Each structure stands twice: as structure tokens, then as C-alpha cells.
């Protein structure tokens, strides 16, 4: 059993380097991957329509289709930039879409997967905004507002977010208590993204992994027959080098 976990690519334009790196990386996995876990914010912006996808994301969707056709199971945990994924993922890609979090079984391993944006219980204003973005009202709007204006408005909001200074920091004080509660539900391991800070540690309850981003770090987790390795992909080649923050 071989699985790969990726998060926080924030893909926008197919010509961008991180977009091309992901396409090339997934191409190399064809026929050699049992499961692919996308743990949120893979796209800079996505909201699902019933029969329409944004053209900028077609190259990645085609790669995912190829993986699915070759027997790779696809799992997508919605993030704070990509939500209400819609029927294209579930019906066309045969992808398991997870709105919040879930325990999945791979071989003998039970893994708690989530994006990670719900780890901080003090982020009440964010939680309210998150609930609104996933509300029935927003889903209704997505059915009546054409995709063009939705795309422009969504990217406008993302541009505003990019202008803010985001300091990437060790998320252990927030993640570890959340992982303890999650592992207590019956999982052996906990994996999330969101923090753009690669981390791997073991606690009494099990193993905890936080993925880095696929923007500059090109971070991913590889699991082979129950053994985990947190890696990064070189931006200039397909050669791997392990960069792990151990605690």
C-alpha cells in the first residue's frame, strides 16, 4: 500500500512553477500509487458547480482523472480556499470528499485526516466565517451566480488575504492538543495541513504529521506499507530530499 498526502498548493495559473511541479509529480505517480490525499487549499479558490469547472484548474483535474482511472483512490479534505467541491469530484473523479475531518483506514492503519483550520478553538471569528462560506445560502448563490463573476470575486478575496503578512510558525501548541482529541477517537495517526510548516512527532496517543506547503517547500507525506516519511520535492527536479522537523 502506497499513499501520498499533499496540502496547501494554492494553485492559480497552470503556468505557475508550483502548478507545473505538481502536474509533473503526479504524472510520475501513475501506476504506482494506491491512494492520494489532498488535504485542502490545493486551489487558491474553488467552489463547485454542478456541471462547470474553472478552466484554470483543468490541467490538474485531468491528472487526477488519470490517477483515478489507473485505480488510485482519491480523497479530498475541503480547506478554507476550496469548499463545496461539488459533483465533479464525487461523480466524475470518484473522489471521496470530506468537508471537515474523517478517520480513514489504509491497510492496518487508521488515520485521522483534516485540513487543520479547526485546530484552534479560540479562532471564533474564523469559525463563523467558515460556517457562512459552507452555508446553504452560499450553495444556493453558487447555483444562480455565473462562474465568471464568482471566479473574479473569489480571487479578489484571495488577493486581499495575500496582502496580509502571514508568519509561518511551529503549530505544535495548537496542533498537539487537537491531535490528542482526534486520536482518542480511535486513530493511529493524525495528518493535517493548513499551517505551511512541516512537522512530524510522536505523542502517547499516536503519530502526528503536519504537512508543509506546495508553494515553495513542495512538502508531501509518503506512506508505504504503514511506514511514514515526510519529504520535499526539489523545485528544479523530481529528486526527493527529506526535510523533517522532529520534536
C-alpha atoms as a PDB file:
ATOM      1  CA  UNK A   1       0.000   0.000   0.000  1.00  0.00           C
ATOM      2  CA  UNK A   2       1.498   3.336  -1.098  1.00  0.00           C
ATOM      3  CA  UNK A   3      -0.207   6.664  -0.391  1.00  0.00           C
ATOM      4  CA  UNK A   4       0.755  10.316  -0.731  1.00  0.00           C
ATOM      5  CA  UNK A   5      -0.596  13.294   1.220  1.00  0.00           C
ATOM      6  CA  UNK A   6      -0.363  16.888  -0.110  1.00  0.00           C
ATOM      7  CA  UNK A   7      -1.877  20.179   1.025  1.00  0.00           C
ATOM      8  CA  UNK A   8      -1.714  23.940   0.535  1.00  0.00           C
ATOM      9  CA  UNK A   9      -0.633  24.244  -3.087  1.00  0.00           C
ATOM     10  CA  UNK A  10      -2.879  27.292  -3.628  1.00  0.00           C
ATOM     11  CA  UNK A  11      -2.865  26.645  -7.368  1.00  0.00           C
ATOM     12  CA  UNK A  12      -3.930  29.557  -9.518  1.00  0.00           C
ATOM     13  CA  UNK A  13      -2.460  29.610 -13.040  1.00  0.00           C
ATOM     14  CA  UNK A  14      -1.221  26.481 -14.898  1.00  0.00           C
ATOM     15  CA  UNK A  15       1.987  28.272 -15.934  1.00  0.00           C
ATOM     16  CA  UNK A  16       2.996  28.912 -12.309  1.00  0.00           C
ATOM     17  CA  UNK A  17       6.004  26.903 -11.135  1.00  0.00           C
ATOM     18  CA  UNK A  18       4.253  25.211  -8.215  1.00  0.00           C
ATOM     19  CA  UNK A  19       1.389  24.212 -10.543  1.00  0.00           C
ATOM     20  CA  UNK A  20       3.820  22.698 -13.065  1.00  0.00           C
ATOM     21  CA  UNK A  21       5.730  20.914 -10.317  1.00  0.00           C
ATOM     22  CA  UNK A  22       2.557  19.297  -9.046  1.00  0.00           C
ATOM     23  CA  UNK A  23       1.487  18.203 -12.531  1.00  0.00           C
ATOM     24  CA  UNK A  24       4.902  16.638 -13.149  1.00  0.00           C
ATOM     25  CA  UNK A  25       4.958  14.983  -9.739  1.00  0.00           C
ATOM     26  CA  UNK A  26       1.523  13.419 -10.186  1.00  0.00           C
ATOM     27  CA  UNK A  27       2.472  12.249 -13.678  1.00  0.00           C
ATOM     28  CA  UNK A  28       5.357  10.309 -12.128  1.00  0.00           C
ATOM     29  CA  UNK A  29       2.945   8.572  -9.737  1.00  0.00           C
ATOM     30  CA  UNK A  30       0.869   6.976 -12.494  1.00  0.00           C
ATOM     31  CA  UNK A  31       0.505   3.248 -11.878  1.00  0.00           C
ATOM     32  CA  UNK A  32       2.471   3.376  -8.622  1.00  0.00           C
ATOM     33  CA  UNK A  33       0.012   4.945  -6.200  1.00  0.00           C
ATOM     34  CA  UNK A  34      -2.866   3.361  -4.301  1.00  0.00           C
ATOM     35  CA  UNK A  35      -4.247   6.497  -2.656  1.00  0.00           C
ATOM     36  CA  UNK A  36      -3.810  10.260  -2.958  1.00  0.00           C
ATOM     37  CA  UNK A  37      -4.933  12.524  -0.118  1.00  0.00           C
ATOM     38  CA  UNK A  38      -5.419  16.217  -0.901  1.00  0.00           C
ATOM     39  CA  UNK A  39      -5.758  17.929   2.471  1.00  0.00           C
ATOM     40  CA  UNK A  40      -7.226  21.264   1.464  1.00  0.00           C
ATOM     41  CA  UNK A  41      -6.220  24.562  -0.143  1.00  0.00           C
ATOM     42  CA  UNK A  42      -4.961  22.734  -3.199  1.00  0.00           C
ATOM     43  CA  UNK A  43      -6.592  25.507  -5.204  1.00  0.00           C
ATOM     44  CA  UNK A  44      -6.274  29.187  -4.440  1.00  0.00           C
ATOM     45  CA  UNK A  45     -10.019  29.295  -4.990  1.00  0.00           C
ATOM     46  CA  UNK A  46     -12.645  26.677  -5.757  1.00  0.00           C
ATOM     47  CA  UNK A  47     -16.359  26.477  -5.259  1.00  0.00           C
ATOM     48  CA  UNK A  48     -18.180  23.691  -7.036  1.00  0.00           C
ATOM     49  CA  UNK A  49     -20.768  23.997  -9.796  1.00  0.00           C
ATOM     50  CA  UNK A  50     -22.914  21.115 -10.951  1.00  0.00           C
ATOM     51  CA  UNK A  51     -21.531  20.804 -14.493  1.00  0.00           C
ATOM     52  CA  UNK A  52     -18.880  23.546 -14.806  1.00  0.00           C
ATOM     53  CA  UNK A  53     -15.249  23.694 -13.666  1.00  0.00           C
ATOM     54  CA  UNK A  54     -12.886  26.645 -13.814  1.00  0.00           C
ATOM     55  CA  UNK A  55     -10.675  26.336 -16.895  1.00  0.00           C
ATOM     56  CA  UNK A  56      -7.507  27.234 -14.954  1.00  0.00           C
ATOM     57  CA  UNK A  57      -7.883  24.010 -12.980  1.00  0.00           C
ATOM     58  CA  UNK A  58      -8.420  21.663 -15.920  1.00  0.00           C
ATOM     59  CA  UNK A  59      -4.754  20.504 -16.104  1.00  0.00           C
ATOM     60  CA  UNK A  60      -4.833  19.272 -12.518  1.00  0.00           C
ATOM     61  CA  UNK A  61      -8.287  17.758 -12.890  1.00  0.00           C
ATOM     62  CA  UNK A  62      -7.035  15.787 -15.900  1.00  0.00           C
ATOM     63  CA  UNK A  63      -4.111  14.464 -13.840  1.00  0.00           C
ATOM     64  CA  UNK A  64      -6.481  13.414 -11.088  1.00  0.00           C
ATOM     65  CA  UNK A  65      -8.714  11.717 -13.637  1.00  0.00           C
ATOM     66  CA  UNK A  66      -5.736   9.735 -14.938  1.00  0.00           C
ATOM     67  CA  UNK A  67      -4.824   8.623 -11.435  1.00  0.00           C
ATOM     68  CA  UNK A  68      -8.411   7.600 -10.715  1.00  0.00           C
ATOM     69  CA  UNK A  69      -8.631   5.669 -13.984  1.00  0.00           C
ATOM     70  CA  UNK A  70      -5.461   3.795 -13.006  1.00  0.00           C
ATOM     71  CA  UNK A  71      -7.003   2.613  -9.736  1.00  0.00           C
ATOM     72  CA  UNK A  72      -5.761   5.282  -7.350  1.00  0.00           C
ATOM     73  CA  UNK A  73      -8.245   6.204  -4.622  1.00  0.00           C
ATOM     74  CA  UNK A  74      -8.722   9.974  -4.336  1.00  0.00           C
ATOM     75  CA  UNK A  75      -9.552  11.728  -1.073  1.00  0.00           C
ATOM     76  CA  UNK A  76     -10.105  15.476  -0.810  1.00  0.00           C
ATOM     77  CA  UNK A  77     -10.477  17.282   2.500  1.00  0.00           C
ATOM     78  CA  UNK A  78     -12.004  20.697   1.911  1.00  0.00           C
ATOM     79  CA  UNK A  79      -9.909  23.635   3.100  1.00  0.00           C
ATOM     80  CA  UNK A  80     -10.561  27.307   3.648  1.00  0.00           C
ATOM     81  CA  UNK A  81      -9.877  28.177  -0.020  1.00  0.00           C
ATOM     82  CA  UNK A  82     -11.649  25.206  -1.626  1.00  0.00           C
ATOM     83  CA  UNK A  83     -15.037  24.090  -0.382  1.00  0.00           C
ATOM     84  CA  UNK A  84     -18.423  22.881  -1.616  1.00  0.00           C
ATOM     85  CA  UNK A  85     -16.397  20.905  -4.147  1.00  0.00           C
ATOM     86  CA  UNK A  86     -19.445  19.704  -5.993  1.00  0.00           C
ATOM     87  CA  UNK A  87     -20.403  16.724  -8.080  1.00  0.00           C
ATOM     88  CA  UNK A  88     -17.428  16.865 -10.467  1.00  0.00           C
ATOM     89  CA  UNK A  89     -15.200  15.458  -7.761  1.00  0.00           C
ATOM     90  CA  UNK A  90     -17.624  12.880  -6.420  1.00  0.00           C
ATOM     91  CA  UNK A  91     -19.234  11.741  -9.688  1.00  0.00           C
ATOM     92  CA  UNK A  92     -16.555  12.265 -12.352  1.00  0.00           C
ATOM     93  CA  UNK A  93     -13.349  11.730 -10.384  1.00  0.00           C
ATOM     94  CA  UNK A  94     -14.905   9.159  -7.999  1.00  0.00           C
ATOM     95  CA  UNK A  95     -13.268  11.121  -5.211  1.00  0.00           C
ATOM     96  CA  UNK A  96     -14.202  10.852  -1.542  1.00  0.00           C
ATOM     97  CA  UNK A  97     -14.880  14.434  -0.453  1.00  0.00           C
ATOM     98  CA  UNK A  98     -14.505  15.180   3.256  1.00  0.00           C
ATOM     99  CA  UNK A  99     -15.941  18.556   4.369  1.00  0.00           C
ATOM    100  CA  UNK A 100     -14.291  18.628   7.802  1.00  0.00           C
ATOM    101  CA  UNK A 101     -12.377  15.582   9.046  1.00  0.00           C
ATOM    102  CA  UNK A 102     -12.546  11.802   8.967  1.00  0.00           C
ATOM    103  CA  UNK A 103     -10.783   8.639  10.072  1.00  0.00           C
ATOM    104  CA  UNK A 104      -9.756   6.569   7.044  1.00  0.00           C
ATOM    105  CA  UNK A 105      -8.326   3.065   7.013  1.00  0.00           C
ATOM    106  CA  UNK A 106      -5.264   2.233   4.898  1.00  0.00           C
ATOM    107  CA  UNK A 107      -4.144  -1.329   5.321  1.00  0.00           C
ATOM    108  CA  UNK A 108      -3.819  -1.763   9.082  1.00  0.00           C
ATOM    109  CA  UNK A 109      -3.511   1.968   9.718  1.00  0.00           C
ATOM    110  CA  UNK A 110      -6.347   4.224  10.870  1.00  0.00           C
ATOM    111  CA  UNK A 111      -5.529   7.821  10.010  1.00  0.00           C
ATOM    112  CA  UNK A 112      -7.345  10.931  11.184  1.00  0.00           C
ATOM    113  CA  UNK A 113      -7.174  13.450   8.325  1.00  0.00           C
ATOM    114  CA  UNK A 114      -8.275  17.079   8.270  1.00  0.00           C
ATOM    115  CA  UNK A 115      -7.192  20.392   6.788  1.00  0.00           C
ATOM    116  CA  UNK A 116      -6.199  21.803  10.168  1.00  0.00           C
ATOM    117  CA  UNK A 117      -8.096  25.089  10.122  1.00  0.00           C
ATOM    118  CA  UNK A 118     -10.310  23.933  13.005  1.00  0.00           C
ATOM    119  CA  UNK A 119      -7.401  23.164  15.312  1.00  0.00           C
ATOM    120  CA  UNK A 120      -7.571  26.460  17.177  1.00  0.00           C
ATOM    121  CA  UNK A 121     -10.760  26.663  19.296  1.00  0.00           C
ATOM    122  CA  UNK A 122     -10.056  30.353  20.016  1.00  0.00           C
ATOM    123  CA  UNK A 123     -10.412  31.367  16.356  1.00  0.00           C
ATOM    124  CA  UNK A 124     -14.112  32.101  16.768  1.00  0.00           C
ATOM    125  CA  UNK A 125     -14.400  34.786  14.080  1.00  0.00           C
ATOM    126  CA  UNK A 126     -12.792  32.455  11.553  1.00  0.00           C
ATOM    127  CA  UNK A 127     -15.153  29.647  12.527  1.00  0.00           C
ATOM    128  CA  UNK A 128     -18.147  31.921  11.927  1.00  0.00           C
ATOM    129  CA  UNK A 129     -16.820  32.910   8.507  1.00  0.00           C
ATOM    130  CA  UNK A 130     -16.107  29.275   7.677  1.00  0.00           C
ATOM    131  CA  UNK A 131     -19.665  28.279   8.595  1.00  0.00           C
ATOM    132  CA  UNK A 132     -21.054  31.054   6.401  1.00  0.00           C
ATOM    133  CA  UNK A 133     -18.930  30.034   3.395  1.00  0.00           C
ATOM    134  CA  UNK A 134     -20.265  26.489   3.697  1.00  0.00           C
ATOM    135  CA  UNK A 135     -23.850  27.533   4.370  1.00  0.00           C
ATOM    136  CA  UNK A 136     -26.911  26.571   2.338  1.00  0.00           C
ATOM    137  CA  UNK A 137     -27.249  30.233   1.357  1.00  0.00           C
ATOM    138  CA  UNK A 138     -23.825  30.267  -0.328  1.00  0.00           C
ATOM    139  CA  UNK A 139     -24.588  26.959  -2.021  1.00  0.00           C
ATOM    140  CA  UNK A 140     -27.796  28.494  -3.364  1.00  0.00           C
ATOM    141  CA  UNK A 141     -25.910  31.544  -4.650  1.00  0.00           C
ATOM    142  CA  UNK A 142     -23.455  29.307  -6.464  1.00  0.00           C
ATOM    143  CA  UNK A 143     -26.372  27.881  -8.421  1.00  0.00           C
ATOM    144  CA  UNK A 144     -27.631  31.250  -9.673  1.00  0.00           C
ATOM    145  CA  UNK A 145     -24.468  33.386  -9.960  1.00  0.00           C
ATOM    146  CA  UNK A 146     -22.478  32.714 -13.167  1.00  0.00           C
ATOM    147  CA  UNK A 147     -18.998  31.226 -12.637  1.00  0.00           C
ATOM    148  CA  UNK A 148     -17.202  34.218 -14.212  1.00  0.00           C
ATOM    149  CA  UNK A 149     -18.166  36.760 -11.519  1.00  0.00           C
ATOM    150  CA  UNK A 150     -17.710  34.099  -8.835  1.00  0.00           C
ATOM    151  CA  UNK A 151     -14.159  33.419 -10.047  1.00  0.00           C
ATOM    152  CA  UNK A 152     -13.253  37.107 -10.108  1.00  0.00           C
ATOM    153  CA  UNK A 153     -14.726  37.775  -6.672  1.00  0.00           C
ATOM    154  CA  UNK A 154     -13.118  34.691  -5.149  1.00  0.00           C
ATOM    155  CA  UNK A 155      -9.688  35.647  -6.437  1.00  0.00           C
ATOM    156  CA  UNK A 156     -10.229  39.228  -5.280  1.00  0.00           C
ATOM    157  CA  UNK A 157     -10.727  37.921  -1.744  1.00  0.00           C
ATOM    158  CA  UNK A 158      -7.639  35.749  -2.092  1.00  0.00           C
ATOM    159  CA  UNK A 159      -5.607  38.757  -3.233  1.00  0.00           C
ATOM    160  CA  UNK A 160      -6.703  40.653  -0.131  1.00  0.00           C
ATOM    161  CA  UNK A 161      -5.600  37.728   2.012  1.00  0.00           C
ATOM    162  CA  UNK A 162      -2.208  37.572   0.289  1.00  0.00           C
ATOM    163  CA  UNK A 163      -1.515  41.206   1.128  1.00  0.00           C
ATOM    164  CA  UNK A 164      -1.611  40.372   4.819  1.00  0.00           C
ATOM    165  CA  UNK A 165       1.639  39.235   6.370  1.00  0.00           C
ATOM    166  CA  UNK A 166       1.421  35.573   7.287  1.00  0.00           C
ATOM    167  CA  UNK A 167       4.144  34.366   9.626  1.00  0.00           C
ATOM    168  CA  UNK A 168       4.635  30.623   9.456  1.00  0.00           C
ATOM    169  CA  UNK A 169       5.325  29.293  12.928  1.00  0.00           C
ATOM    170  CA  UNK A 170       5.634  25.985  14.727  1.00  0.00           C
ATOM    171  CA  UNK A 171       1.966  24.973  15.171  1.00  0.00           C
ATOM    172  CA  UNK A 172       2.670  22.399  17.895  1.00  0.00           C
ATOM    173  CA  UNK A 173       0.945  24.341  20.728  1.00  0.00           C
ATOM    174  CA  UNK A 174      -2.285  24.354  18.719  1.00  0.00           C
ATOM    175  CA  UNK A 175      -1.983  21.090  16.794  1.00  0.00           C
ATOM    176  CA  UNK A 176      -0.877  18.709  19.565  1.00  0.00           C
ATOM    177  CA  UNK A 177      -3.975  19.206  21.793  1.00  0.00           C
ATOM    178  CA  UNK A 178      -6.205  18.914  18.720  1.00  0.00           C
ATOM    179  CA  UNK A 179      -4.365  15.759  17.612  1.00  0.00           C
ATOM    180  CA  UNK A 180      -4.732  14.242  21.099  1.00  0.00           C
ATOM    181  CA  UNK A 181      -8.506  14.700  20.956  1.00  0.00           C
ATOM    182  CA  UNK A 182      -8.654  13.384  17.396  1.00  0.00           C
ATOM    183  CA  UNK A 183      -6.506  10.310  18.043  1.00  0.00           C
ATOM    184  CA  UNK A 184      -8.672   9.475  21.043  1.00  0.00           C
ATOM    185  CA  UNK A 185     -11.476   8.755  18.576  1.00  0.00           C
ATOM    186  CA  UNK A 186      -9.684   5.583  17.509  1.00  0.00           C
ATOM    187  CA  UNK A 187      -6.995   6.608  15.027  1.00  0.00           C
ATOM    188  CA  UNK A 188      -3.329   5.558  14.985  1.00  0.00           C
ATOM    189  CA  UNK A 189      -2.059   8.672  13.224  1.00  0.00           C
ATOM    190  CA  UNK A 190      -3.066  12.299  12.686  1.00  0.00           C
ATOM    191  CA  UNK A 191      -2.293  14.194   9.461  1.00  0.00           C
ATOM    192  CA  UNK A 192      -3.213  17.779   8.570  1.00  0.00           C
ATOM    193  CA  UNK A 193      -2.015  20.763   6.555  1.00  0.00           C
ATOM    194  CA  UNK A 194      -3.003  24.440   6.762  1.00  0.00           C
ATOM    195  CA  UNK A 195      -0.018  25.773   8.727  1.00  0.00           C
ATOM    196  CA  UNK A 196       2.554  25.724   5.896  1.00  0.00           C
ATOM    197  CA  UNK A 197       5.037  24.271   8.391  1.00  0.00           C
ATOM    198  CA  UNK A 198       6.243  20.657   8.067  1.00  0.00           C
ATOM    199  CA  UNK A 199       6.235  18.790  11.359  1.00  0.00           C
ATOM    200  CA  UNK A 200       6.380  15.170  12.408  1.00  0.00           C
ATOM    201  CA  UNK A 201       6.291  13.994  16.002  1.00  0.00           C
ATOM    202  CA  UNK A 202       5.055  11.137  18.160  1.00  0.00           C
ATOM    203  CA  UNK A 203       2.895  11.534  21.242  1.00  0.00           C
ATOM    204  CA  UNK A 204       1.471   8.911  23.574  1.00  0.00           C
ATOM    205  CA  UNK A 205      -1.734   8.687  21.526  1.00  0.00           C
ATOM    206  CA  UNK A 206      -0.004   8.176  18.166  1.00  0.00           C
ATOM    207  CA  UNK A 207       1.902   9.830  15.342  1.00  0.00           C
ATOM    208  CA  UNK A 208       1.274  13.462  14.359  1.00  0.00           C
ATOM    209  CA  UNK A 209       2.190  14.911  10.955  1.00  0.00           C
ATOM    210  CA  UNK A 210       1.667  18.461   9.712  1.00  0.00           C
ATOM    211  CA  UNK A 211       2.367  18.958   6.016  1.00  0.00           C
ATOM    212  CA  UNK A 212       4.243  21.942   4.701  1.00  0.00           C
ATOM    213  CA  UNK A 213       3.006  23.787   1.633  1.00  0.00           C
ATOM    214  CA  UNK A 214       3.378  23.067  -2.083  1.00  0.00           C
ATOM    215  CA  UNK A 215       4.261  26.679  -2.906  1.00  0.00           C
ATOM    216  CA  UNK A 216       7.932  26.925  -2.000  1.00  0.00           C
ATOM    217  CA  UNK A 217       8.502  23.935   0.287  1.00  0.00           C
ATOM    218  CA  UNK A 218       6.937  21.285  -2.001  1.00  0.00           C
ATOM    219  CA  UNK A 219       6.167  19.181   1.033  1.00  0.00           C
ATOM    220  CA  UNK A 220       4.408  15.839   0.985  1.00  0.00           C
ATOM    221  CA  UNK A 221       3.965  12.754   3.138  1.00  0.00           C
ATOM    222  CA  UNK A 222       4.591   9.311   1.688  1.00  0.00           C
ATOM    223  CA  UNK A 223       3.216   6.196   3.359  1.00  0.00           C
ATOM    224  CA  UNK A 224       4.431   2.783   2.213  1.00  0.00           C
ATOM    225  CA  UNK A 225       3.013  -0.283   3.974  1.00  0.00           C
ATOM    226  CA  UNK A 226       2.393   1.678   7.161  1.00  0.00           C
ATOM    227  CA  UNK A 227       5.762   3.472   7.263  1.00  0.00           C
ATOM    228  CA  UNK A 228       5.666   7.271   7.004  1.00  0.00           C
ATOM    229  CA  UNK A 229       8.235   9.645   5.544  1.00  0.00           C
ATOM    230  CA  UNK A 230       7.785  13.409   5.343  1.00  0.00           C
ATOM    231  CA  UNK A 231       9.550  14.677   2.232  1.00  0.00           C
ATOM    232  CA  UNK A 232      10.035  17.654  -0.028  1.00  0.00           C
ATOM    233  CA  UNK A 233      10.337  17.721  -3.796  1.00  0.00           C
ATOM    234  CA  UNK A 234      13.093  19.754  -5.373  1.00  0.00           C
ATOM    235  CA  UNK A 235      11.647  22.673  -7.332  1.00  0.00           C
ATOM    236  CA  UNK A 236      14.046  22.039 -10.202  1.00  0.00           C
ATOM    237  CA  UNK A 237      13.888  18.267 -10.468  1.00  0.00           C
ATOM    238  CA  UNK A 238      11.959  15.208  -9.384  1.00  0.00           C
ATOM    239  CA  UNK A 239      14.610  14.133  -6.891  1.00  0.00           C
ATOM    240  CA  UNK A 240      13.461  13.902  -3.305  1.00  0.00           C
ATOM    241  CA  UNK A 241      15.217  15.060  -0.170  1.00  0.00           C
ATOM    242  CA  UNK A 242      13.811  14.548   3.282  1.00  0.00           C
ATOM    243  CA  UNK A 243      13.298  17.665   5.396  1.00  0.00           C
ATOM    244  CA  UNK A 244      11.567  16.825   8.631  1.00  0.00           C
ATOM    245  CA  UNK A 245      11.115  18.863  11.775  1.00  0.00           C
ATOM    246  CA  UNK A 246      11.282  16.309  14.576  1.00  0.00           C
ATOM    247  CA  UNK A 247      10.047  17.011  18.126  1.00  0.00           C
END
